[in-house]
Every structure is written in structure tokens, then in C-alpha cells.
């Protein structure tokens, strides 16, 4: 019986039977080729992922040539401080002792908090409110020279949505490590 005389449903089964080993080889080789081609890209990606160092409030941690300590982290009522509409004010206070300054470093301080299962982040506040950083505090993170100083930063967050914030403290000299201060 030739292919033209066979029922239509029998032809695909015959083709599958004739080519089954080729199809099995494809099912194994295509994923293997993908894995082999992605490995050189995957390991460098893993090496560049942040390594988080958790630090409790009040404890010193040596990071990027400095001892960094979060001394206070408080959420203040934004409405009472005339903050932008619908926001609260978070004030983070640090004690920083730069012992061994790196040759070149930019440090970044970001507020982070989980909201609805997703970690959100906020940069330092640009808008103004009635809260003013006292004169005895620095307003910018600087690890470039050996010295001791106190740093205070202000963040605006959505009203009532950030009850338990944390601070992400990063430095280009210590990348990919980052401090997570609670």
C-alpha cells in the first residue's frame, strides 16, 4: 500500500516512527546547546549580584574602609511636617568612621521596604518639608577621607505604607557587597 492509498491518520504515525530517534536527539540536544551557550554569561552574572550583609541598628560594620553604624531610623508623620501630599518622612541617622578610605568610591544610601510582597526603594528626599537636618549632621555620604562624622538623611515614603523600613548602603569600592541596616 502506497502513501497515497493509506488513510490520512496513518501517514503522520509512520513519519513519527521513522524519525523517532532524530526527534529524541533534538529533544536532548537543543536544551543542552542552550545550557552550554548560556554558562559563560551566567557565572559572571552571579558574581555581580549583591551580597547583602545584614546589620542590626546600633552595631558597627566595617564596609569600604569605614565603620558604619545606623544609630536611628524613624518614620515621622508627613502631614505634621508639611511634607509632600500623601507622604511620611523617614529620617536615618548614621555614625561613620572612615578609617581606611578607598582610592575612589561613591557611596549611595537608599531606603528599602517590602510593600505587597515587592521590595520598593526610595532615594534621598529632594522636595522640602518642615523637617530640617540639624547643623551638626552631614547631609552627604562621603568615604573619601579619613574622619569621623554623623550623617542624617531624609526620605519621603507613601503615607502609612512603610512601617518597617531598612537602609541599603552601597559603595563602588565594595561592590558587589552591600549593607542592609535595620
C-alpha atoms as a PDB file:
ATOM      1  CA  UNK A   1       0.000   0.000   0.000  1.00  0.00           C
ATOM      2  CA  UNK A   2       1.500   3.352  -1.002  1.00  0.00           C
ATOM      3  CA  UNK A   3       1.262   6.578   0.991  1.00  0.00           C
ATOM      4  CA  UNK A   4      -1.489   7.864  -1.275  1.00  0.00           C
ATOM      5  CA  UNK A   5      -3.658   4.806  -0.532  1.00  0.00           C
ATOM      6  CA  UNK A   6      -3.174   4.925   3.270  1.00  0.00           C
ATOM      7  CA  UNK A   7      -5.666   6.709   5.483  1.00  0.00           C
ATOM      8  CA  UNK A   8      -4.653  10.277   6.406  1.00  0.00           C
ATOM      9  CA  UNK A   9      -4.194   9.430  10.123  1.00  0.00           C
ATOM     10  CA  UNK A  10      -1.697   6.655   9.359  1.00  0.00           C
ATOM     11  CA  UNK A  11       0.801   8.875   7.480  1.00  0.00           C
ATOM     12  CA  UNK A  12       1.846  11.035  10.485  1.00  0.00           C
ATOM     13  CA  UNK A  13       2.330   7.928  12.648  1.00  0.00           C
ATOM     14  CA  UNK A  14       4.581   6.391  10.010  1.00  0.00           C
ATOM     15  CA  UNK A  15       6.616   9.590   9.756  1.00  0.00           C
ATOM     16  CA  UNK A  16       6.951   9.767  13.554  1.00  0.00           C
ATOM     17  CA  UNK A  17       8.041   6.123  13.714  1.00  0.00           C
ATOM     18  CA  UNK A  18      10.683   6.633  11.004  1.00  0.00           C
ATOM     19  CA  UNK A  19      12.072   9.796  12.624  1.00  0.00           C
ATOM     20  CA  UNK A  20      11.710   8.971  16.325  1.00  0.00           C
ATOM     21  CA  UNK A  21      15.460   8.776  17.071  1.00  0.00           C
ATOM     22  CA  UNK A  22      16.088  12.058  15.293  1.00  0.00           C
ATOM     23  CA  UNK A  23      13.308  13.696  17.357  1.00  0.00           C
ATOM     24  CA  UNK A  24      14.681  12.225  20.599  1.00  0.00           C
ATOM     25  CA  UNK A  25      18.138  13.575  19.727  1.00  0.00           C
ATOM     26  CA  UNK A  26      16.656  17.036  19.071  1.00  0.00           C
ATOM     27  CA  UNK A  27      14.774  16.965  22.369  1.00  0.00           C
ATOM     28  CA  UNK A  28      18.074  16.333  24.183  1.00  0.00           C
ATOM     29  CA  UNK A  29      20.499  18.393  22.100  1.00  0.00           C
ATOM     30  CA  UNK A  30      18.584  21.678  21.857  1.00  0.00           C
ATOM     31  CA  UNK A  31      18.311  22.200  25.662  1.00  0.00           C
ATOM     32  CA  UNK A  32      21.931  21.028  26.077  1.00  0.00           C
ATOM     33  CA  UNK A  33      23.109  23.544  23.467  1.00  0.00           C
ATOM     34  CA  UNK A  34      21.206  26.326  25.246  1.00  0.00           C
ATOM     35  CA  UNK A  35      22.770  25.436  28.596  1.00  0.00           C
ATOM     36  CA  UNK A  36      26.287  25.292  27.123  1.00  0.00           C
ATOM     37  CA  UNK A  37      25.858  28.645  25.368  1.00  0.00           C
ATOM     38  CA  UNK A  38      24.451  30.406  28.467  1.00  0.00           C
ATOM     39  CA  UNK A  39      27.007  29.169  31.036  1.00  0.00           C
ATOM     40  CA  UNK A  40      29.699  31.741  30.113  1.00  0.00           C
ATOM     41  CA  UNK A  41      27.155  34.517  30.681  1.00  0.00           C
ATOM     42  CA  UNK A  42      25.541  33.080  33.806  1.00  0.00           C
ATOM     43  CA  UNK A  43      28.555  32.811  36.135  1.00  0.00           C
ATOM     44  CA  UNK A  44      29.707  36.426  35.654  1.00  0.00           C
ATOM     45  CA  UNK A  45      26.100  37.471  36.249  1.00  0.00           C
ATOM     46  CA  UNK A  46      26.077  35.584  39.571  1.00  0.00           C
ATOM     47  CA  UNK A  47      29.397  37.155  40.615  1.00  0.00           C
ATOM     48  CA  UNK A  48      27.940  40.645  40.117  1.00  0.00           C
ATOM     49  CA  UNK A  49      24.833  40.055  42.219  1.00  0.00           C
ATOM     50  CA  UNK A  50      24.841  41.964  45.505  1.00  0.00           C
ATOM     51  CA  UNK A  51      25.994  40.089  48.584  1.00  0.00           C
ATOM     52  CA  UNK A  52      23.839  41.512  51.363  1.00  0.00           C
ATOM     53  CA  UNK A  53      25.332  41.968  54.835  1.00  0.00           C
ATOM     54  CA  UNK A  54      22.538  42.421  57.396  1.00  0.00           C
ATOM     55  CA  UNK A  55      23.388  44.744  60.286  1.00  0.00           C
ATOM     56  CA  UNK A  56      21.143  45.500  63.246  1.00  0.00           C
ATOM     57  CA  UNK A  57      20.617  49.091  64.378  1.00  0.00           C
ATOM     58  CA  UNK A  58      23.346  50.279  66.723  1.00  0.00           C
ATOM     59  CA  UNK A  59      26.006  47.805  65.559  1.00  0.00           C
ATOM     60  CA  UNK A  60      29.176  48.820  63.695  1.00  0.00           C
ATOM     61  CA  UNK A  61      30.051  47.113  60.429  1.00  0.00           C
ATOM     62  CA  UNK A  62      33.345  47.581  58.587  1.00  0.00           C
ATOM     63  CA  UNK A  63      32.479  48.372  54.981  1.00  0.00           C
ATOM     64  CA  UNK A  64      34.504  50.021  52.224  1.00  0.00           C
ATOM     65  CA  UNK A  65      37.205  51.189  54.651  1.00  0.00           C
ATOM     66  CA  UNK A  66      34.745  52.685  57.147  1.00  0.00           C
ATOM     67  CA  UNK A  67      32.886  51.633  60.268  1.00  0.00           C
ATOM     68  CA  UNK A  68      29.224  52.292  59.512  1.00  0.00           C
ATOM     69  CA  UNK A  69      26.511  52.314  62.174  1.00  0.00           C
ATOM     70  CA  UNK A  70      22.819  53.122  61.836  1.00  0.00           C
ATOM     71  CA  UNK A  71      22.048  54.942  65.081  1.00  0.00           C
ATOM     72  CA  UNK A  72      18.422  55.869  64.403  1.00  0.00           C
ATOM     73  CA  UNK A  73      15.728  55.208  61.819  1.00  0.00           C
ATOM     74  CA  UNK A  74      12.341  56.757  62.456  1.00  0.00           C
ATOM     75  CA  UNK A  75       9.150  57.252  60.473  1.00  0.00           C
ATOM     76  CA  UNK A  76       7.577  60.665  61.149  1.00  0.00           C
ATOM     77  CA  UNK A  77       4.092  61.910  60.287  1.00  0.00           C
ATOM     78  CA  UNK A  78       4.408  63.733  56.967  1.00  0.00           C
ATOM     79  CA  UNK A  79       1.275  65.782  57.444  1.00  0.00           C
ATOM     80  CA  UNK A  80       2.576  67.255  60.707  1.00  0.00           C
ATOM     81  CA  UNK A  81       5.859  68.142  58.967  1.00  0.00           C
ATOM     82  CA  UNK A  82       4.220  69.676  55.895  1.00  0.00           C
ATOM     83  CA  UNK A  83       5.750  67.000  53.637  1.00  0.00           C
ATOM     84  CA  UNK A  84       4.514  66.470  50.072  1.00  0.00           C
ATOM     85  CA  UNK A  85       0.891  65.309  49.980  1.00  0.00           C
ATOM     86  CA  UNK A  86       0.351  61.653  50.866  1.00  0.00           C
ATOM     87  CA  UNK A  87       3.826  61.029  52.254  1.00  0.00           C
ATOM     88  CA  UNK A  88       5.575  60.301  55.526  1.00  0.00           C
ATOM     89  CA  UNK A  89       9.093  61.408  56.402  1.00  0.00           C
ATOM     90  CA  UNK A  90      11.749  58.820  57.259  1.00  0.00           C
ATOM     91  CA  UNK A  91      14.886  60.107  58.976  1.00  0.00           C
ATOM     92  CA  UNK A  92      18.007  57.897  59.006  1.00  0.00           C
ATOM     93  CA  UNK A  93      20.942  58.823  61.236  1.00  0.00           C
ATOM     94  CA  UNK A  94      24.399  57.240  60.910  1.00  0.00           C
ATOM     95  CA  UNK A  95      27.729  57.339  62.722  1.00  0.00           C
ATOM     96  CA  UNK A  96      30.510  56.866  60.166  1.00  0.00           C
ATOM     97  CA  UNK A  97      34.199  56.464  60.983  1.00  0.00           C
ATOM     98  CA  UNK A  98      36.286  56.366  57.789  1.00  0.00           C
ATOM     99  CA  UNK A  99      39.462  54.529  58.819  1.00  0.00           C
ATOM    100  CA  UNK A 100      40.953  53.385  55.529  1.00  0.00           C
ATOM    101  CA  UNK A 101      39.435  55.469  52.720  1.00  0.00           C
ATOM    102  CA  UNK A 102      39.309  53.767  49.328  1.00  0.00           C
ATOM    103  CA  UNK A 103      41.129  55.399  46.421  1.00  0.00           C
ATOM    104  CA  UNK A 104      37.870  56.124  44.673  1.00  0.00           C
ATOM    105  CA  UNK A 105      34.390  55.490  45.957  1.00  0.00           C
ATOM    106  CA  UNK A 106      30.866  56.747  45.598  1.00  0.00           C
ATOM    107  CA  UNK A 107      28.514  55.717  48.362  1.00  0.00           C
ATOM    108  CA  UNK A 108      24.778  55.532  47.919  1.00  0.00           C
ATOM    109  CA  UNK A 109      22.137  55.334  50.630  1.00  0.00           C
ATOM    110  CA  UNK A 110      18.677  54.084  49.692  1.00  0.00           C
ATOM    111  CA  UNK A 111      15.613  53.354  51.814  1.00  0.00           C
ATOM    112  CA  UNK A 112      14.024  49.954  51.107  1.00  0.00           C
ATOM    113  CA  UNK A 113      10.858  48.286  52.356  1.00  0.00           C
ATOM    114  CA  UNK A 114       8.560  45.475  51.249  1.00  0.00           C
ATOM    115  CA  UNK A 115       5.140  46.635  50.072  1.00  0.00           C
ATOM    116  CA  UNK A 116       2.643  43.972  48.988  1.00  0.00           C
ATOM    117  CA  UNK A 117       5.435  41.400  48.690  1.00  0.00           C
ATOM    118  CA  UNK A 118       7.616  43.575  46.433  1.00  0.00           C
ATOM    119  CA  UNK A 119      10.709  45.384  47.665  1.00  0.00           C
ATOM    120  CA  UNK A 120      10.408  49.097  46.910  1.00  0.00           C
ATOM    121  CA  UNK A 121      13.154  51.679  47.230  1.00  0.00           C
ATOM    122  CA  UNK A 122      13.399  55.430  47.690  1.00  0.00           C
ATOM    123  CA  UNK A 123      16.286  57.835  47.200  1.00  0.00           C
ATOM    124  CA  UNK A 124      17.045  60.791  49.433  1.00  0.00           C
ATOM    125  CA  UNK A 125      14.358  63.456  49.521  1.00  0.00           C
ATOM    126  CA  UNK A 126      14.640  66.355  47.111  1.00  0.00           C
ATOM    127  CA  UNK A 127      11.382  68.139  47.977  1.00  0.00           C
ATOM    128  CA  UNK A 128      11.232  70.158  51.132  1.00  0.00           C
ATOM    129  CA  UNK A 129       9.257  69.800  54.314  1.00  0.00           C
ATOM    130  CA  UNK A 130       9.348  71.439  57.723  1.00  0.00           C
ATOM    131  CA  UNK A 131      11.936  68.876  58.850  1.00  0.00           C
ATOM    132  CA  UNK A 132      15.429  70.341  58.647  1.00  0.00           C
ATOM    133  CA  UNK A 133      18.590  68.285  59.178  1.00  0.00           C
ATOM    134  CA  UNK A 134      20.379  69.818  62.209  1.00  0.00           C
ATOM    135  CA  UNK A 135      23.701  71.554  61.528  1.00  0.00           C
ATOM    136  CA  UNK A 136      25.771  69.001  63.475  1.00  0.00           C
ATOM    137  CA  UNK A 137      24.972  66.349  60.851  1.00  0.00           C
ATOM    138  CA  UNK A 138      26.484  65.914  57.416  1.00  0.00           C
ATOM    139  CA  UNK A 139      23.944  65.678  54.592  1.00  0.00           C
ATOM    140  CA  UNK A 140      26.033  63.681  52.099  1.00  0.00           C
ATOM    141  CA  UNK A 141      27.726  60.307  52.354  1.00  0.00           C
ATOM    142  CA  UNK A 142      31.491  60.617  51.832  1.00  0.00           C
ATOM    143  CA  UNK A 143      34.083  57.869  52.323  1.00  0.00           C
ATOM    144  CA  UNK A 144      36.973  59.612  50.526  1.00  0.00           C
ATOM    145  CA  UNK A 145      38.935  60.913  53.541  1.00  0.00           C
ATOM    146  CA  UNK A 146      39.769  59.535  56.988  1.00  0.00           C
ATOM    147  CA  UNK A 147      37.452  61.177  59.524  1.00  0.00           C
ATOM    148  CA  UNK A 148      34.522  60.619  61.861  1.00  0.00           C
ATOM    149  CA  UNK A 149      31.163  62.219  61.217  1.00  0.00           C
ATOM    150  CA  UNK A 150      27.450  61.835  61.734  1.00  0.00           C
ATOM    151  CA  UNK A 151      25.201  61.662  58.708  1.00  0.00           C
ATOM    152  CA  UNK A 152      21.464  62.281  58.593  1.00  0.00           C
ATOM    153  CA  UNK A 153      19.330  61.683  55.511  1.00  0.00           C
ATOM    154  CA  UNK A 154      15.634  62.286  54.868  1.00  0.00           C
ATOM    155  CA  UNK A 155      13.352  60.151  52.685  1.00  0.00           C
ATOM    156  CA  UNK A 156       9.710  60.551  51.668  1.00  0.00           C
ATOM    157  CA  UNK A 157       7.601  57.391  51.513  1.00  0.00           C
ATOM    158  CA  UNK A 158       3.893  56.727  50.893  1.00  0.00           C
ATOM    159  CA  UNK A 159       1.836  57.571  53.983  1.00  0.00           C
ATOM    160  CA  UNK A 160       1.247  54.582  56.266  1.00  0.00           C
ATOM    161  CA  UNK A 161       2.752  52.014  53.887  1.00  0.00           C
ATOM    162  CA  UNK A 162       6.291  51.713  55.290  1.00  0.00           C
ATOM    163  CA  UNK A 163       6.115  50.626  58.938  1.00  0.00           C
ATOM    164  CA  UNK A 164       9.445  48.728  58.932  1.00  0.00           C
ATOM    165  CA  UNK A 165      11.984  50.398  56.619  1.00  0.00           C
ATOM    166  CA  UNK A 166      15.608  49.351  56.119  1.00  0.00           C
ATOM    167  CA  UNK A 167      18.604  51.128  54.632  1.00  0.00           C
ATOM    168  CA  UNK A 168      20.660  49.857  51.695  1.00  0.00           C
ATOM    169  CA  UNK A 169      24.178  51.308  51.983  1.00  0.00           C
ATOM    170  CA  UNK A 170      26.426  50.701  48.966  1.00  0.00           C
ATOM    171  CA  UNK A 171      29.858  51.811  47.862  1.00  0.00           C
ATOM    172  CA  UNK A 172      31.511  51.393  44.487  1.00  0.00           C
ATOM    173  CA  UNK A 173      34.725  50.329  46.241  1.00  0.00           C
ATOM    174  CA  UNK A 174      32.970  47.404  47.963  1.00  0.00           C
ATOM    175  CA  UNK A 175      30.751  46.248  45.100  1.00  0.00           C
ATOM    176  CA  UNK A 176      29.041  43.707  44.916  1.00  0.00           C
ATOM    177  CA  UNK A 177      28.646  43.752  48.712  1.00  0.00           C
ATOM    178  CA  UNK A 178      26.002  45.974  50.247  1.00  0.00           C
ATOM    179  CA  UNK A 179      24.956  46.717  53.794  1.00  0.00           C
ATOM    180  CA  UNK A 180      21.345  46.275  54.823  1.00  0.00           C
ATOM    181  CA  UNK A 181      20.849  48.270  58.017  1.00  0.00           C
ATOM    182  CA  UNK A 182      17.661  47.689  60.064  1.00  0.00           C
END
